[in-house]
PDB file of all heavy atoms in Angstrom:
ATOM      1  N   TYR A   1      -8.682 165.272  -3.646  1.00  0.00           N
ATOM      2  CA  TYR A   1      -8.567 166.703  -3.356  1.00  0.00           C
ATOM      3  C   TYR A   1      -8.973 166.874  -1.908  1.00  0.00           C
ATOM      4  O   TYR A   1     -10.044 166.440  -1.490  1.00  0.00           O
ATOM      5  CB  TYR A   1      -9.421 167.547  -4.305  1.00  0.00           C
ATOM      6  CG  TYR A   1     -10.744 166.920  -4.695  1.00  0.00           C
ATOM      7  CD1 TYR A   1     -11.915 167.282  -4.034  1.00  0.00           C
ATOM      8  CD2 TYR A   1     -10.820 165.966  -5.702  1.00  0.00           C
ATOM      9  CE1 TYR A   1     -13.129 166.711  -4.375  1.00  0.00           C
ATOM     10  CE2 TYR A   1     -12.035 165.393  -6.051  1.00  0.00           C
ATOM     11  CZ  TYR A   1     -13.183 165.772  -5.372  1.00  0.00           C
ATOM     12  OH  TYR A   1     -14.385 165.195  -5.704  1.00  0.00           O
ATOM     13  N   GLY A   2      -8.070 167.465  -1.143  1.00  0.00           N
ATOM     14  CA  GLY A   2      -8.307 167.553   0.291  1.00  0.00           C
ATOM     15  C   GLY A   2      -8.378 166.145   0.860  1.00  0.00           C
ATOM     16  O   GLY A   2      -7.523 165.309   0.590  1.00  0.00           O
ATOM     17  N   THR A   3      -9.429 165.849   1.594  1.00  0.00           N
ATOM     18  CA  THR A   3      -9.602 164.515   2.174  1.00  0.00           C
ATOM     19  C   THR A   3     -10.549 163.660   1.341  1.00  0.00           C
ATOM     20  O   THR A   3     -10.857 162.538   1.709  1.00  0.00           O
ATOM     21  CB  THR A   3     -10.167 164.623   3.607  1.00  0.00           C
ATOM     22  OG1 THR A   3     -11.429 165.315   3.548  1.00  0.00           O
ATOM     23  CG2 THR A   3      -9.212 165.369   4.516  1.00  0.00           C
ATOM     24  N   LYS A   4     -11.001 164.174   0.212  1.00  0.00           N
ATOM     25  CA  LYS A   4     -11.999 163.481  -0.620  1.00  0.00           C
ATOM     26  C   LYS A   4     -11.319 162.718  -1.754  1.00  0.00           C
ATOM     27  O   LYS A   4     -10.348 163.188  -2.343  1.00  0.00           O
ATOM     28  CB  LYS A   4     -12.969 164.516  -1.188  1.00  0.00           C
ATOM     29  CG  LYS A   4     -14.068 163.932  -2.022  1.00  0.00           C
ATOM     30  CD  LYS A   4     -15.395 164.542  -1.667  1.00  0.00           C
ATOM     31  CE  LYS A   4     -16.504 164.058  -2.558  1.00  0.00           C
ATOM     32  NZ  LYS A   4     -16.988 162.745  -2.273  1.00  0.00           N
ATOM     33  N   VAL A   5     -11.858 161.536  -2.069  1.00  0.00           N
ATOM     34  CA  VAL A   5     -11.428 160.736  -3.215  1.00  0.00           C
ATOM     35  C   VAL A   5     -12.689 160.371  -3.989  1.00  0.00           C
ATOM     36  O   VAL A   5     -13.690 159.986  -3.391  1.00  0.00           O
ATOM     37  CB  VAL A   5     -10.692 159.450  -2.777  1.00  0.00           C
ATOM     38  CG1 VAL A   5     -10.344 158.590  -3.983  1.00  0.00           C
ATOM     39  CG2 VAL A   5      -9.435 159.787  -1.993  1.00  0.00           C
ATOM     40  N   ASP A   6     -12.655 160.526  -5.320  1.00  0.00           N
ATOM     41  CA  ASP A   6     -13.786 160.078  -6.121  1.00  0.00           C
ATOM     42  C   ASP A   6     -13.303 159.350  -7.365  1.00  0.00           C
ATOM     43  O   ASP A   6     -12.113 159.373  -7.696  1.00  0.00           O
ATOM     44  CB  ASP A   6     -14.764 161.209  -6.435  1.00  0.00           C
ATOM     45  CG  ASP A   6     -14.222 162.291  -7.352  1.00  0.00           C
ATOM     46  OD1 ASP A   6     -13.345 162.001  -8.195  1.00  0.00           O
ATOM     47  OD2 ASP A   6     -14.682 163.441  -7.242  1.00  0.00           O
ATOM     48  N   TYR A   7     -14.246 158.682  -8.020  1.00  0.00           N
ATOM     49  CA  TYR A   7     -13.942 157.825  -9.158  1.00  0.00           C
ATOM     50  C   TYR A   7     -14.855 158.202 -10.309  1.00  0.00           C
ATOM     51  O   TYR A   7     -16.028 158.525 -10.113  1.00  0.00           O
ATOM     52  CB  TYR A   7     -14.157 156.352  -8.768  1.00  0.00           C
ATOM     53  CG  TYR A   7     -13.343 155.976  -7.556  1.00  0.00           C
ATOM     54  CD1 TYR A   7     -13.868 156.130  -6.270  1.00  0.00           C
ATOM     55  CD2 TYR A   7     -12.040 155.520  -7.693  1.00  0.00           C
ATOM     56  CE1 TYR A   7     -13.112 155.817  -5.157  1.00  0.00           C
ATOM     57  CE2 TYR A   7     -11.279 155.212  -6.574  1.00  0.00           C
ATOM     58  CZ  TYR A   7     -11.820 155.360  -5.316  1.00  0.00           C
ATOM     59  OH  TYR A   7     -11.063 155.073  -4.215  1.00  0.00           O
ATOM     60  N   GLU A   8     -14.282 158.120 -11.518  1.00  0.00           N
ATOM     61  CA  GLU A   8     -15.021 158.611 -12.685  1.00  0.00           C
ATOM     62  C   GLU A   8     -14.628 157.829 -13.932  1.00  0.00           C
ATOM     63  O   GLU A   8     -13.467 157.442 -14.103  1.00  0.00           O
ATOM     64  CB  GLU A   8     -14.675 160.091 -12.842  1.00  0.00           C
ATOM     65  CG  GLU A   8     -15.177 160.775 -14.061  1.00  0.00           C
ATOM     66  CD  GLU A   8     -14.736 162.231 -14.111  1.00  0.00           C
ATOM     67  OE1 GLU A   8     -13.597 162.551 -13.717  1.00  0.00           O
ATOM     68  OE2 GLU A   8     -15.548 163.041 -14.555  1.00  0.00           O
ATOM     69  N   LEU A   9     -15.604 157.627 -14.791  1.00  0.00           N
ATOM     70  CA  LEU A   9     -15.404 157.068 -16.120  1.00  0.00           C
ATOM     71  C   LEU A   9     -15.598 158.198 -17.112  1.00  0.00           C
ATOM     72  O   LEU A   9     -16.577 158.940 -17.023  1.00  0.00           O
ATOM     73  CB  LEU A   9     -16.436 155.962 -16.369  1.00  0.00           C
ATOM     74  CG  LEU A   9     -16.626 155.497 -17.813  1.00  0.00           C
ATOM     75  CD1 LEU A   9     -15.383 154.773 -18.330  1.00  0.00           C
ATOM     76  CD2 LEU A   9     -17.858 154.585 -17.914  1.00  0.00           C
ATOM     77  N   GLU A  10     -14.655 158.335 -18.035  1.00  0.00           N
ATOM     78  CA  GLU A  10     -14.808 159.282 -19.142  1.00  0.00           C
ATOM     79  C   GLU A  10     -14.647 158.502 -20.436  1.00  0.00           C
ATOM     80  O   GLU A  10     -13.887 157.531 -20.498  1.00  0.00           O
ATOM     81  CB  GLU A  10     -13.728 160.381 -19.100  1.00  0.00           C
ATOM     82  CG  GLU A  10     -13.841 161.326 -17.938  1.00  0.00           C
ATOM     83  CD  GLU A  10     -12.772 162.423 -17.971  1.00  0.00           C
ATOM     84  OE1 GLU A  10     -11.981 162.489 -18.938  1.00  0.00           O
ATOM     85  OE2 GLU A  10     -12.731 163.207 -17.019  1.00  0.00           O
ATOM     86  N   PHE A  11     -15.355 158.933 -21.448  1.00  0.00           N
ATOM     87  CA  PHE A  11     -15.187 158.361 -22.775  1.00  0.00           C
ATOM     88  C   PHE A  11     -15.015 159.512 -23.749  1.00  0.00           C
ATOM     89  O   PHE A  11     -15.896 160.353 -23.895  1.00  0.00           O
ATOM     90  CB  PHE A  11     -16.383 157.487 -23.165  1.00  0.00           C
ATOM     91  CG  PHE A  11     -16.253 156.903 -24.536  1.00  0.00           C
ATOM     92  CD1 PHE A  11     -15.219 156.032 -24.844  1.00  0.00           C
ATOM     93  CD2 PHE A  11     -17.150 157.239 -25.537  1.00  0.00           C
ATOM     94  CE1 PHE A  11     -15.083 155.507 -26.112  1.00  0.00           C
ATOM     95  CE2 PHE A  11     -17.029 156.718 -26.811  1.00  0.00           C
ATOM     96  CZ  PHE A  11     -15.991 155.838 -27.099  1.00  0.00           C
ATOM     97  N   GLU A  12     -13.846 159.578 -24.385  1.00  0.00           N
ATOM     98  CA  GLU A  12     -13.536 160.635 -25.352  1.00  0.00           C
ATOM     99  C   GLU A  12     -13.661 160.050 -26.752  1.00  0.00           C
ATOM    100  O   GLU A  12     -13.181 158.950 -27.020  1.00  0.00           O
ATOM    101  CB  GLU A  12     -12.119 161.162 -25.117  1.00  0.00           C
ATOM    102  CG  GLU A  12     -11.940 161.774 -23.744  1.00  0.00           C
ATOM    103  CD  GLU A  12     -10.510 162.208 -23.450  1.00  0.00           C
ATOM    104  OE1 GLU A  12      -9.662 162.167 -24.374  1.00  0.00           O
ATOM    105  OE2 GLU A  12     -10.242 162.575 -22.297  1.00  0.00           O
ATOM    106  N   THR A  13     -14.304 160.814 -27.617  1.00  0.00           N
ATOM    107  CA  THR A  13     -14.573 160.322 -28.969  1.00  0.00           C
ATOM    108  C   THR A  13     -14.550 161.475 -29.964  1.00  0.00           C
ATOM    109  O   THR A  13     -14.534 162.641 -29.569  1.00  0.00           O
ATOM    110  CB  THR A  13     -15.935 159.579 -28.996  1.00  0.00           C
ATOM    111  OG1 THR A  13     -16.150 159.030 -30.286  1.00  0.00           O
ATOM    112  CG2 THR A  13     -17.079 160.495 -28.629  1.00  0.00           C
ATOM    113  N   SER A  14     -14.584 161.140 -31.229  1.00  0.00           N
ATOM    114  CA  SER A  14     -14.586 162.189 -32.256  1.00  0.00           C
ATOM    115  C   SER A  14     -15.985 162.464 -32.802  1.00  0.00           C
ATOM    116  O   SER A  14     -16.163 163.371 -33.598  1.00  0.00           O
ATOM    117  CB  SER A  14     -13.650 161.801 -33.406  1.00  0.00           C
ATOM    118  OG  SER A  14     -14.058 160.561 -33.953  1.00  0.00           O
ATOM    119  N   SER A  15     -16.982 161.678 -32.372  1.00  0.00           N
ATOM    120  CA  SER A  15     -18.354 161.865 -32.847  1.00  0.00           C
ATOM    121  C   SER A  15     -19.315 161.805 -31.670  1.00  0.00           C
ATOM    122  O   SER A  15     -19.387 160.784 -30.979  1.00  0.00           O
ATOM    123  CB  SER A  15     -18.721 160.779 -33.867  1.00  0.00           C
ATOM    124  OG  SER A  15     -20.124 160.718 -34.054  1.00  0.00           O
ATOM    125  N   ARG A  16     -20.060 162.866 -31.445  1.00  0.00           N
ATOM    126  CA  ARG A  16     -21.023 162.900 -30.338  1.00  0.00           C
ATOM    127  C   ARG A  16     -22.068 161.791 -30.509  1.00  0.00           C
ATOM    128  O   ARG A  16     -22.406 161.104 -29.547  1.00  0.00           O
ATOM    129  CB  ARG A  16     -21.699 164.271 -30.258  1.00  0.00           C
ATOM    130  CG  ARG A  16     -22.771 164.333 -29.161  1.00  0.00           C
ATOM    131  CD  ARG A  16     -23.052 165.728 -28.713  1.00  0.00           C
ATOM    132  NE  ARG A  16     -21.984 166.304 -27.924  1.00  0.00           N
ATOM    133  CZ  ARG A  16     -21.746 166.018 -26.643  1.00  0.00           C
ATOM    134  NH1 ARG A  16     -22.497 165.162 -26.011  1.00  0.00           N
ATOM    135  NH2 ARG A  16     -20.758 166.587 -26.008  1.00  0.00           N
ATOM    136  N   GLU A  17     -22.576 161.600 -31.713  1.00  0.00           N
ATOM    137  CA  GLU A  17     -23.624 160.612 -31.934  1.00  0.00           C
ATOM    138  C   GLU A  17     -23.125 159.193 -31.669  1.00  0.00           C
ATOM    139  O   GLU A  17     -23.743 158.427 -30.932  1.00  0.00           O
ATOM    140  CB  GLU A  17     -24.172 160.721 -33.367  1.00  0.00           C
ATOM    141  CG  GLU A  17     -24.895 162.030 -33.664  1.00  0.00           C
ATOM    142  CD  GLU A  17     -23.943 163.229 -33.846  1.00  0.00           C
ATOM    143  OE1 GLU A  17     -22.758 163.034 -34.221  1.00  0.00           O
ATOM    144  OE2 GLU A  17     -24.383 164.362 -33.588  1.00  0.00           O
ATOM    145  N   VAL A  18     -21.996 158.823 -32.274  1.00  0.00           N
ATOM    146  CA  VAL A  18     -21.428 157.485 -32.078  1.00  0.00           C
ATOM    147  C   VAL A  18     -21.033 157.303 -30.612  1.00  0.00           C
ATOM    148  O   VAL A  18     -21.293 156.262 -30.006  1.00  0.00           O
ATOM    149  CB  VAL A  18     -20.203 157.266 -33.001  1.00  0.00           C
ATOM    150  CG1 VAL A  18     -19.473 155.982 -32.660  1.00  0.00           C
ATOM    151  CG2 VAL A  18     -20.637 157.268 -34.460  1.00  0.00           C
ATOM    152  N   GLY A  19     -20.433 158.323 -30.026  1.00  0.00           N
ATOM    153  CA  GLY A  19     -19.980 158.247 -28.643  1.00  0.00           C
ATOM    154  C   GLY A  19     -21.107 158.042 -27.659  1.00  0.00           C
ATOM    155  O   GLY A  19     -20.990 157.248 -26.717  1.00  0.00           O
ATOM    156  N   GLU A  20     -22.211 158.740 -27.871  1.00  0.00           N
ATOM    157  CA  GLU A  20     -23.337 158.623 -26.949  1.00  0.00           C
ATOM    158  C   GLU A  20     -23.927 157.212 -26.962  1.00  0.00           C
ATOM    159  O   GLU A  20     -24.201 156.623 -25.913  1.00  0.00           O
ATOM    160  CB  GLU A  20     -24.419 159.650 -27.307  1.00  0.00           C
ATOM    161  CG  GLU A  20     -25.495 159.761 -26.278  1.00  0.00           C
ATOM    162  CD  GLU A  20     -26.337 161.017 -26.466  1.00  0.00           C
ATOM    163  OE1 GLU A  20     -26.376 161.585 -27.575  1.00  0.00           O
ATOM    164  OE2 GLU A  20     -26.961 161.417 -25.472  1.00  0.00           O
ATOM    165  N   VAL A  21     -24.073 156.642 -28.150  1.00  0.00           N
ATOM    166  CA  VAL A  21     -24.596 155.280 -28.273  1.00  0.00           C
ATOM    167  C   VAL A  21     -23.633 154.295 -27.601  1.00  0.00           C
ATOM    168  O   VAL A  21     -24.041 153.442 -26.806  1.00  0.00           O
ATOM    169  CB  VAL A  21     -24.823 154.904 -29.759  1.00  0.00           C
ATOM    170  CG1 VAL A  21     -25.109 153.415 -29.912  1.00  0.00           C
ATOM    171  CG2 VAL A  21     -25.947 155.741 -30.352  1.00  0.00           C
ATOM    172  N   TYR A  22     -22.338 154.421 -27.912  1.00  0.00           N
ATOM    173  CA  TYR A  22     -21.353 153.502 -27.338  1.00  0.00           C
ATOM    174  C   TYR A  22     -21.316 153.625 -25.814  1.00  0.00           C
ATOM    175  O   TYR A  22     -21.297 152.610 -25.101  1.00  0.00           O
ATOM    176  CB  TYR A  22     -19.950 153.755 -27.920  1.00  0.00           C
ATOM    177  CG  TYR A  22     -18.938 152.833 -27.274  1.00  0.00           C
ATOM    178  CD1 TYR A  22     -18.798 151.526 -27.718  1.00  0.00           C
ATOM    179  CD2 TYR A  22     -18.183 153.257 -26.190  1.00  0.00           C
ATOM    180  CE1 TYR A  22     -17.916 150.656 -27.096  1.00  0.00           C
ATOM    181  CE2 TYR A  22     -17.303 152.396 -25.561  1.00  0.00           C
ATOM    182  CZ  TYR A  22     -17.170 151.095 -26.016  1.00  0.00           C
ATOM    183  OH  TYR A  22     -16.299 150.241 -25.387  1.00  0.00           O
ATOM    184  N   PHE A  23     -21.303 154.845 -25.306  1.00  0.00           N
ATOM    185  CA  PHE A  23     -21.199 155.070 -23.865  1.00  0.00           C
ATOM    186  C   PHE A  23     -22.404 154.464 -23.134  1.00  0.00           C
ATOM    187  O   PHE A  23     -22.241 153.784 -22.116  1.00  0.00           O
ATOM    188  CB  PHE A  23     -21.093 156.571 -23.575  1.00  0.00           C
ATOM    189  CG  PHE A  23     -20.721 156.900 -22.163  1.00  0.00           C
ATOM    190  CD1 PHE A  23     -19.472 156.586 -21.666  1.00  0.00           C
ATOM    191  CD2 PHE A  23     -21.623 157.544 -21.335  1.00  0.00           C
ATOM    192  CE1 PHE A  23     -19.119 156.901 -20.353  1.00  0.00           C
ATOM    193  CE2 PHE A  23     -21.283 157.861 -20.018  1.00  0.00           C
ATOM    194  CZ  PHE A  23     -20.025 157.537 -19.538  1.00  0.00           C
ATOM    195  N   ASP A  24     -23.607 154.674 -23.656  1.00  0.00           N
ATOM    196  CA  ASP A  24     -24.801 154.096 -23.040  1.00  0.00           C
ATOM    197  C   ASP A  24     -24.725 152.569 -23.028  1.00  0.00           C
ATOM    198  O   ASP A  24     -25.050 151.933 -22.026  1.00  0.00           O
ATOM    199  CB  ASP A  24     -26.068 154.563 -23.763  1.00  0.00           C
ATOM    200  CG  ASP A  24     -26.389 156.025 -23.483  1.00  0.00           C
ATOM    201  OD1 ASP A  24     -25.842 156.599 -22.519  1.00  0.00           O
ATOM    202  OD2 ASP A  24     -27.197 156.605 -24.239  1.00  0.00           O
ATOM    203  N   ARG A  25     -24.281 151.986 -24.128  1.00  0.00           N
ATOM    204  CA  ARG A  25     -24.153 150.517 -24.198  1.00  0.00           C
ATOM    205  C   ARG A  25     -23.086 150.020 -23.216  1.00  0.00           C
ATOM    206  O   ARG A  25     -23.254 148.972 -22.587  1.00  0.00           O
ATOM    207  CB  ARG A  25     -23.793 150.082 -25.617  1.00  0.00           C
ATOM    208  CG  ARG A  25     -24.956 150.138 -26.561  1.00  0.00           C
ATOM    209  CD  ARG A  25     -24.566 149.594 -27.926  1.00  0.00           C
ATOM    210  NE  ARG A  25     -25.653 149.780 -28.863  1.00  0.00           N
ATOM    211  CZ  ARG A  25     -25.497 149.868 -30.169  1.00  0.00           C
ATOM    212  NH1 ARG A  25     -24.295 149.780 -30.711  1.00  0.00           N
ATOM    213  NH2 ARG A  25     -26.543 150.033 -30.948  1.00  0.00           N
ATOM    214  N   PHE A  26     -21.990 150.755 -23.117  1.00  0.00           N
ATOM    215  CA  PHE A  26     -20.902 150.381 -22.209  1.00  0.00           C
ATOM    216  C   PHE A  26     -21.407 150.350 -20.765  1.00  0.00           C
ATOM    217  O   PHE A  26     -21.147 149.397 -20.028  1.00  0.00           O
ATOM    218  CB  PHE A  26     -19.744 151.375 -22.362  1.00  0.00           C
ATOM    219  CG  PHE A  26     -18.537 151.051 -21.525  1.00  0.00           C
ATOM    220  CD1 PHE A  26     -17.536 150.230 -22.027  1.00  0.00           C
ATOM    221  CD2 PHE A  26     -18.403 151.569 -20.248  1.00  0.00           C
ATOM    222  CE1 PHE A  26     -16.418 149.925 -21.257  1.00  0.00           C
ATOM    223  CE2 PHE A  26     -17.295 151.269 -19.473  1.00  0.00           C
ATOM    224  CZ  PHE A  26     -16.299 150.447 -19.979  1.00  0.00           C
ATOM    225  N   LEU A  27     -22.131 151.387 -20.361  1.00  0.00           N
ATOM    226  CA  LEU A  27     -22.669 151.429 -18.998  1.00  0.00           C
ATOM    227  C   LEU A  27     -23.614 150.254 -18.752  1.00  0.00           C
ATOM    228  O   LEU A  27     -23.528 149.585 -17.710  1.00  0.00           O
ATOM    229  CB  LEU A  27     -23.397 152.753 -18.742  1.00  0.00           C
ATOM    230  CG  LEU A  27     -22.534 154.016 -18.690  1.00  0.00           C
ATOM    231  CD1 LEU A  27     -23.416 155.248 -18.571  1.00  0.00           C
ATOM    232  CD2 LEU A  27     -21.524 153.959 -17.559  1.00  0.00           C
ATOM    233  N   LYS A  28     -24.510 149.998 -19.698  1.00  0.00           N
ATOM    234  CA  LYS A  28     -25.450 148.883 -19.542  1.00  0.00           C
ATOM    235  C   LYS A  28     -24.722 147.548 -19.467  1.00  0.00           C
ATOM    236  O   LYS A  28     -25.028 146.706 -18.631  1.00  0.00           O
ATOM    237  CB  LYS A  28     -26.462 148.874 -20.691  1.00  0.00           C
ATOM    238  CG  LYS A  28     -27.520 149.941 -20.559  1.00  0.00           C
ATOM    239  CD  LYS A  28     -28.494 149.922 -21.720  1.00  0.00           C
ATOM    240  CE  LYS A  28     -29.418 151.122 -21.591  1.00  0.00           C
ATOM    241  NZ  LYS A  28     -30.036 151.506 -22.822  1.00  0.00           N
ATOM    242  N   HIS A  29     -23.743 147.359 -20.350  1.00  0.00           N
ATOM    243  CA  HIS A  29     -22.978 146.105 -20.387  1.00  0.00           C
ATOM    244  C   HIS A  29     -22.294 145.833 -19.046  1.00  0.00           C
ATOM    245  O   HIS A  29     -22.192 144.681 -18.620  1.00  0.00           O
ATOM    246  CB  HIS A  29     -21.943 146.150 -21.516  1.00  0.00           C
ATOM    247  CG  HIS A  29     -21.059 144.954 -21.562  1.00  0.00           C
ATOM    248  ND1 HIS A  29     -21.483 143.739 -22.036  1.00  0.00           N
ATOM    249  CD2 HIS A  29     -19.777 144.780 -21.159  1.00  0.00           C
ATOM    250  CE1 HIS A  29     -20.493 142.865 -21.941  1.00  0.00           C
ATOM    251  NE2 HIS A  29     -19.455 143.467 -21.409  1.00  0.00           N
ATOM    252  N   HIS A  30     -21.825 146.889 -18.394  1.00  0.00           N
ATOM    253  CA  HIS A  30     -21.113 146.738 -17.117  1.00  0.00           C
ATOM    254  C   HIS A  30     -22.035 146.960 -15.912  1.00  0.00           C
ATOM    255  O   HIS A  30     -21.549 147.064 -14.784  1.00  0.00           O
ATOM    256  CB  HIS A  30     -19.908 147.678 -17.074  1.00  0.00           C
ATOM    257  CG  HIS A  30     -18.840 147.289 -18.053  1.00  0.00           C
ATOM    258  ND1 HIS A  30     -17.944 146.268 -17.815  1.00  0.00           N
ATOM    259  CD2 HIS A  30     -18.543 147.754 -19.285  1.00  0.00           C
ATOM    260  CE1 HIS A  30     -17.148 146.126 -18.847  1.00  0.00           C
ATOM    261  NE2 HIS A  30     -17.486 147.024 -19.761  1.00  0.00           N
ATOM    262  N   SER A  31     -23.346 147.044 -16.153  1.00  0.00           N
ATOM    263  CA  SER A  31     -24.348 147.227 -15.085  1.00  0.00           C
ATOM    264  C   SER A  31     -24.035 148.422 -14.190  1.00  0.00           C
ATOM    265  O   SER A  31     -24.103 148.349 -12.965  1.00  0.00           O
ATOM    266  CB  SER A  31     -24.458 145.955 -14.227  1.00  0.00           C
ATOM    267  OG  SER A  31     -24.809 144.853 -15.033  1.00  0.00           O
ATOM    268  N   ILE A  32     -23.686 149.539 -14.839  1.00  0.00           N
ATOM    269  CA  ILE A  32     -23.380 150.779 -14.117  1.00  0.00           C
ATOM    270  C   ILE A  32     -24.522 151.755 -14.337  1.00  0.00           C
ATOM    271  O   ILE A  32     -24.907 152.040 -15.473  1.00  0.00           O
ATOM    272  CB  ILE A  32     -22.041 151.387 -14.587  1.00  0.00           C
ATOM    273  CG1 ILE A  32     -20.894 150.425 -14.259  1.00  0.00           C
ATOM    274  CG2 ILE A  32     -21.806 152.751 -13.945  1.00  0.00           C
ATOM    275  CD1 ILE A  32     -19.563 150.836 -14.843  1.00  0.00           C
ATOM    276  N   GLU A  33     -25.045 152.256 -13.235  1.00  0.00           N
ATOM    277  CA  GLU A  33     -26.127 153.234 -13.292  1.00  0.00           C
ATOM    278  C   GLU A  33     -25.604 154.533 -13.912  1.00  0.00           C
ATOM    279  O   GLU A  33     -24.508 154.993 -13.591  1.00  0.00           O
ATOM    280  CB  GLU A  33     -26.610 153.494 -11.859  1.00  0.00           C
ATOM    281  CG  GLU A  33     -27.663 154.544 -11.730  1.00  0.00           C
ATOM    282  CD  GLU A  33     -27.973 154.850 -10.267  1.00  0.00           C
ATOM    283  OE1 GLU A  33     -27.724 153.987  -9.407  1.00  0.00           O
ATOM    284  OE2 GLU A  33     -28.448 155.962 -10.003  1.00  0.00           O
ATOM    285  N   LYS A  34     -26.406 155.120 -14.793  1.00  0.00           N
ATOM    286  CA  LYS A  34     -26.032 156.404 -15.397  1.00  0.00           C
ATOM    287  C   LYS A  34     -26.258 157.502 -14.368  1.00  0.00           C
ATOM    288  O   LYS A  34     -27.353 157.630 -13.814  1.00  0.00           O
ATOM    289  CB  LYS A  34     -26.858 156.658 -16.651  1.00  0.00           C
ATOM    290  CG  LYS A  34     -26.307 157.743 -17.528  1.00  0.00           C
ATOM    291  CD  LYS A  34     -27.009 157.761 -18.871  1.00  0.00           C
ATOM    292  CE  LYS A  34     -26.265 158.666 -19.828  1.00  0.00           C
ATOM    293  NZ  LYS A  34     -26.887 158.667 -21.148  1.00  0.00           N
ATOM    294  N   ARG A  35     -25.201 158.272 -14.085  1.00  0.00           N
ATOM    295  CA  ARG A  35     -25.275 159.328 -13.083  1.00  0.00           C
ATOM    296  C   ARG A  35     -24.766 160.641 -13.679  1.00  0.00           C
ATOM    297  O   ARG A  35     -23.694 160.659 -14.287  1.00  0.00           O
ATOM    298  CB  ARG A  35     -24.391 158.990 -11.876  1.00  0.00           C
ATOM    299  CG  ARG A  35     -24.710 157.677 -11.218  1.00  0.00           C
ATOM    300  CD  ARG A  35     -23.671 157.367 -10.125  1.00  0.00           C
ATOM    301  NE  ARG A  35     -23.865 156.035  -9.614  1.00  0.00           N
ATOM    302  CZ  ARG A  35     -23.106 154.984  -9.939  1.00  0.00           C
ATOM    303  NH1 ARG A  35     -22.093 155.124 -10.766  1.00  0.00           N
ATOM    304  NH2 ARG A  35     -23.352 153.812  -9.412  1.00  0.00           N
ATOM    305  N   PRO A  36     -25.484 161.732 -13.462  1.00  0.00           N
ATOM    306  CA  PRO A  36     -24.957 163.028 -13.896  1.00  0.00           C
ATOM    307  C   PRO A  36     -23.642 163.280 -13.159  1.00  0.00           C
ATOM    308  O   PRO A  36     -23.541 162.994 -11.967  1.00  0.00           O
ATOM    309  CB  PRO A  36     -26.018 164.034 -13.466  1.00  0.00           C
ATOM    310  CG  PRO A  36     -27.175 163.244 -12.949  1.00  0.00           C
ATOM    311  CD  PRO A  36     -26.741 161.828 -12.768  1.00  0.00           C
ATOM    312  N   THR A  37     -22.644 163.779 -13.871  1.00  0.00           N
ATOM    313  CA  THR A  37     -21.321 163.952 -13.283  1.00  0.00           C
ATOM    314  C   THR A  37     -20.802 165.358 -13.543  1.00  0.00           C
ATOM    315  O   THR A  37     -20.743 165.800 -14.683  1.00  0.00           O
ATOM    316  CB  THR A  37     -20.341 162.910 -13.873  1.00  0.00           C
ATOM    317  OG1 THR A  37     -20.896 161.607 -13.668  1.00  0.00           O
ATOM    318  CG2 THR A  37     -18.990 162.997 -13.209  1.00  0.00           C
ATOM    319  N   LYS A  38     -20.434 166.029 -12.471  1.00  0.00           N
ATOM    320  CA  LYS A  38     -19.856 167.368 -12.594  1.00  0.00           C
ATOM    321  C   LYS A  38     -18.391 167.252 -12.979  1.00  0.00           C
ATOM    322  O   LYS A  38     -17.744 166.241 -12.717  1.00  0.00           O
ATOM    323  CB  LYS A  38     -19.991 168.111 -11.268  1.00  0.00           C
ATOM    324  CG  LYS A  38     -21.440 168.338 -10.863  1.00  0.00           C
ATOM    325  CD  LYS A  38     -21.539 168.985  -9.503  1.00  0.00           C
ATOM    326  CE  LYS A  38     -23.000 169.168  -9.121  1.00  0.00           C
ATOM    327  NZ  LYS A  38     -23.145 169.687  -7.774  1.00  0.00           N
ATOM    328  N   ASN A  39     -17.861 168.321 -13.584  1.00  0.00           N
ATOM    329  CA  ASN A  39     -16.437 168.357 -13.924  1.00  0.00           C
ATOM    330  C   ASN A  39     -15.587 168.330 -12.655  1.00  0.00           C
ATOM    331  O   ASN A  39     -16.027 168.743 -11.588  1.00  0.00           O
ATOM    332  CB  ASN A  39     -16.111 169.619 -14.729  1.00  0.00           C
ATOM    333  CG  ASN A  39     -16.700 169.570 -16.119  1.00  0.00           C
ATOM    334  OD1 ASN A  39     -16.833 168.512 -16.715  1.00  0.00           O
ATOM    335  ND2 ASN A  39     -17.073 170.728 -16.637  1.00  0.00           N
ATOM    336  N   LYS A  40     -14.355 167.873 -12.799  1.00  0.00           N
ATOM    337  CA  LYS A  40     -13.441 167.784 -11.652  1.00  0.00           C
ATOM    338  C   LYS A  40     -13.288 169.123 -10.945  1.00  0.00           C
ATOM    339  O   LYS A  40     -13.266 169.191  -9.719  1.00  0.00           O
ATOM    340  CB  LYS A  40     -12.063 167.289 -12.110  1.00  0.00           C
ATOM    341  CG  LYS A  40     -12.010 165.825 -12.443  1.00  0.00           C
ATOM    342  CD  LYS A  40     -10.616 165.451 -12.933  1.00  0.00           C
ATOM    343  CE  LYS A  40     -10.568 164.034 -13.418  1.00  0.00           C
ATOM    344  NZ  LYS A  40     -11.342 163.788 -14.627  1.00  0.00           N
ATOM    345  N   ILE A  41     -13.157 170.189 -11.708  1.00  0.00           N
ATOM    346  CA  ILE A  41     -12.955 171.509 -11.107  1.00  0.00           C
ATOM    347  C   ILE A  41     -14.147 171.872 -10.215  1.00  0.00           C
ATOM    348  O   ILE A  41     -13.975 172.422  -9.128  1.00  0.00           O
ATOM    349  CB  ILE A  41     -12.691 172.585 -12.194  1.00  0.00           C
ATOM    350  CG1 ILE A  41     -12.302 173.920 -11.556  1.00  0.00           C
ATOM    351  CG2 ILE A  41     -13.881 172.756 -13.100  1.00  0.00           C
ATOM    352  CD1 ILE A  41     -11.853 174.955 -12.558  1.00  0.00           C
ATOM    353  N   VAL A  42     -15.353 171.537 -10.653  1.00  0.00           N
ATOM    354  CA  VAL A  42     -16.555 171.835  -9.875  1.00  0.00           C
ATOM    355  C   VAL A  42     -16.569 170.995  -8.604  1.00  0.00           C
ATOM    356  O   VAL A  42     -16.843 171.489  -7.511  1.00  0.00           O
ATOM    357  CB  VAL A  42     -17.834 171.590 -10.717  1.00  0.00           C
ATOM    358  CG1 VAL A  42     -19.078 171.735  -9.877  1.00  0.00           C
ATOM    359  CG2 VAL A  42     -17.866 172.545 -11.917  1.00  0.00           C
ATOM    360  N   ARG A  43     -16.248 169.700  -8.728  1.00  0.00           N
ATOM    361  CA  ARG A  43     -16.229 168.829  -7.559  1.00  0.00           C
ATOM    362  C   ARG A  43     -15.188 169.301  -6.538  1.00  0.00           C
ATOM    363  O   ARG A  43     -15.434 169.307  -5.332  1.00  0.00           O
ATOM    364  CB  ARG A  43     -15.957 167.377  -7.979  1.00  0.00           C
ATOM    365  CG  ARG A  43     -17.049 166.852  -8.896  1.00  0.00           C
ATOM    366  CD  ARG A  43     -17.011 165.353  -9.133  1.00  0.00           C
ATOM    367  NE  ARG A  43     -15.746 164.739  -9.371  1.00  0.00           N
ATOM    368  CZ  ARG A  43     -15.276 164.389 -10.569  1.00  0.00           C
ATOM    369  NH1 ARG A  43     -15.985 164.639 -11.660  1.00  0.00           N
ATOM    370  NH2 ARG A  43     -14.123 163.759 -10.697  1.00  0.00           N
TER     371      ARG A  43
END
């Protein structure tokens, strides 16, 4: 957008509880720091 480029991981799921556990494990497995992320529209 404009001159800015950013990168984002999203994980869509049907269960908040299962999704949260999986997402945390996925980040740890790939050695990715957990970062608060604003929605695209906000960015």
